[in-house]
Protein backbone atom coordinates (compact mmCIF):
# COMPACT_ATOMS: atom_id res chain seq x y z
CA UNK A 1 63.77 166.08 108.85
CA UNK A 2 65.76 164.78 111.78
CA UNK A 3 64.20 162.56 114.41
CA UNK A 4 64.65 163.47 118.07
CA UNK A 5 67.15 160.61 118.33
CA UNK A 6 69.25 162.27 115.62
CA UNK A 7 69.51 165.60 117.45
CA UNK A 8 72.77 166.53 119.12
CA UNK A 9 73.97 169.66 120.94
CA UNK A 10 74.61 172.51 118.52
CA UNK A 11 78.30 173.53 118.69
CA UNK A 12 77.42 177.09 117.65
CA UNK A 13 74.90 177.35 120.49
CA UNK A 14 77.57 176.21 122.98
CA UNK A 15 80.03 178.74 121.54
CA UNK A 16 77.45 181.51 121.88
CA UNK A 17 76.75 180.48 125.48
CA UNK A 18 80.47 180.64 126.22
CA UNK A 19 80.80 184.04 124.56
CA UNK A 20 77.75 185.35 126.41
CA UNK A 21 79.17 184.22 129.75
CA UNK A 22 82.46 185.98 128.99
CA UNK A 23 80.69 189.17 127.92
CA UNK A 24 78.52 189.15 131.05
CA UNK A 25 81.64 188.78 133.17
CA UNK A 26 83.14 191.90 131.62
CA UNK A 27 80.02 194.06 131.22
CA UNK A 28 80.11 195.32 134.80
CA UNK A 29 83.72 196.43 134.37
CA UNK A 30 82.84 198.29 131.17
CA UNK A 31 79.71 199.87 132.59
CA UNK A 32 81.45 201.16 135.69
CA UNK A 33 84.83 202.07 134.17
CA UNK A 34 84.18 205.81 134.30
CA UNK A 35 82.21 205.88 137.56
CA UNK A 36 85.21 206.66 139.81
CA UNK A 37 86.32 209.53 137.57
CA UNK A 38 82.78 210.94 137.39
CA UNK A 39 82.35 210.66 141.16
CA UNK A 40 85.73 212.22 141.88
CA UNK A 41 85.21 215.02 139.39
CA UNK A 42 81.71 215.81 140.61
CA UNK A 43 82.44 215.28 144.29
CA UNK A 44 84.58 218.30 145.12
CA UNK A 45 85.05 221.72 143.60
CA UNK A 46 88.68 221.26 142.58
CA UNK A 47 88.08 222.63 139.12
CA UNK A 48 85.27 225.07 138.46
CA UNK A 49 84.04 227.27 135.66
CA UNK A 50 82.57 226.76 132.21
CA UNK A 51 85.42 224.57 130.98
CA UNK A 52 85.13 222.35 134.03
CA UNK A 53 81.35 222.05 133.58
CA UNK A 54 81.80 221.19 129.90
CA UNK A 55 84.40 218.56 130.80
CA UNK A 56 82.10 217.07 133.45
CA UNK A 57 79.22 216.91 130.99
CA UNK A 58 81.43 215.27 128.38
CA UNK A 59 82.72 212.74 130.92
CA UNK A 60 79.20 211.86 132.03
CA UNK A 61 78.08 211.63 128.41
CA UNK A 62 80.90 209.24 127.58
CA UNK A 63 80.04 207.13 130.62
CA UNK A 64 76.43 206.89 129.42
CA UNK A 65 77.56 205.93 125.89
CA UNK A 66 79.85 203.20 127.23
CA UNK A 67 76.98 201.76 129.29
CA UNK A 68 74.62 201.88 126.31
CA UNK A 69 77.17 200.24 124.00
CA UNK A 70 77.89 197.49 126.54
CA UNK A 71 74.18 196.75 126.90
CA UNK A 72 73.80 196.73 123.12
CA UNK A 73 76.56 194.12 122.75
CA UNK A 74 74.92 192.00 125.43
CA UNK A 75 71.47 192.31 123.83
CA UNK A 76 72.79 191.40 120.37
CA UNK A 77 74.54 188.32 121.70
CA UNK A 78 71.46 187.26 123.69
CA UNK A 79 69.30 187.67 120.57
CA UNK A 80 71.71 185.57 118.51
CA UNK A 81 71.62 182.85 121.17
CA UNK A 82 67.80 182.89 121.23
CA UNK A 83 67.74 182.56 117.43
CA UNK A 84 70.12 179.59 117.46
CA UNK A 85 68.70 176.12 118.10
CA UNK A 86 70.30 174.33 121.04
CA UNK A 87 70.08 171.00 119.21
CA UNK A 88 70.57 170.21 115.56
CA UNK A 89 70.85 167.10 113.43
CA UNK A 90 73.98 165.03 113.74
CA UNK A 91 74.76 165.75 110.07
CA UNK A 92 74.48 169.51 110.53
CA UNK A 93 76.63 169.36 113.68
CA UNK A 94 79.35 167.40 111.91
CA UNK A 95 79.39 169.92 109.06
CA UNK A 96 79.72 172.77 111.59
CA UNK A 97 82.58 171.07 113.39
CA UNK A 98 84.33 170.58 110.05
CA UNK A 99 84.43 174.38 109.71
CA UNK A 100 85.79 174.90 113.23
């Protein structure tokens, strides 16, 4: 078992933090990508009828699925970060860096 003096920052933890920051930076773009189209389509009666309603429902459904998927990616990455120790033994860290 490693002593506190033998613990060093975990390279995998740092990589996960970096990945999480990048994902968070792009989540808003993903979550709102279809908002302008949904707002424009639902804002004025430029196309009406059953086909238009079906298209609008499909568009809104896809927007909801994109938001759900983006949140799922974020949650999975956050869970992986929580499960990863921020510090590990010097020996374990050197073996991880040998793989990278």
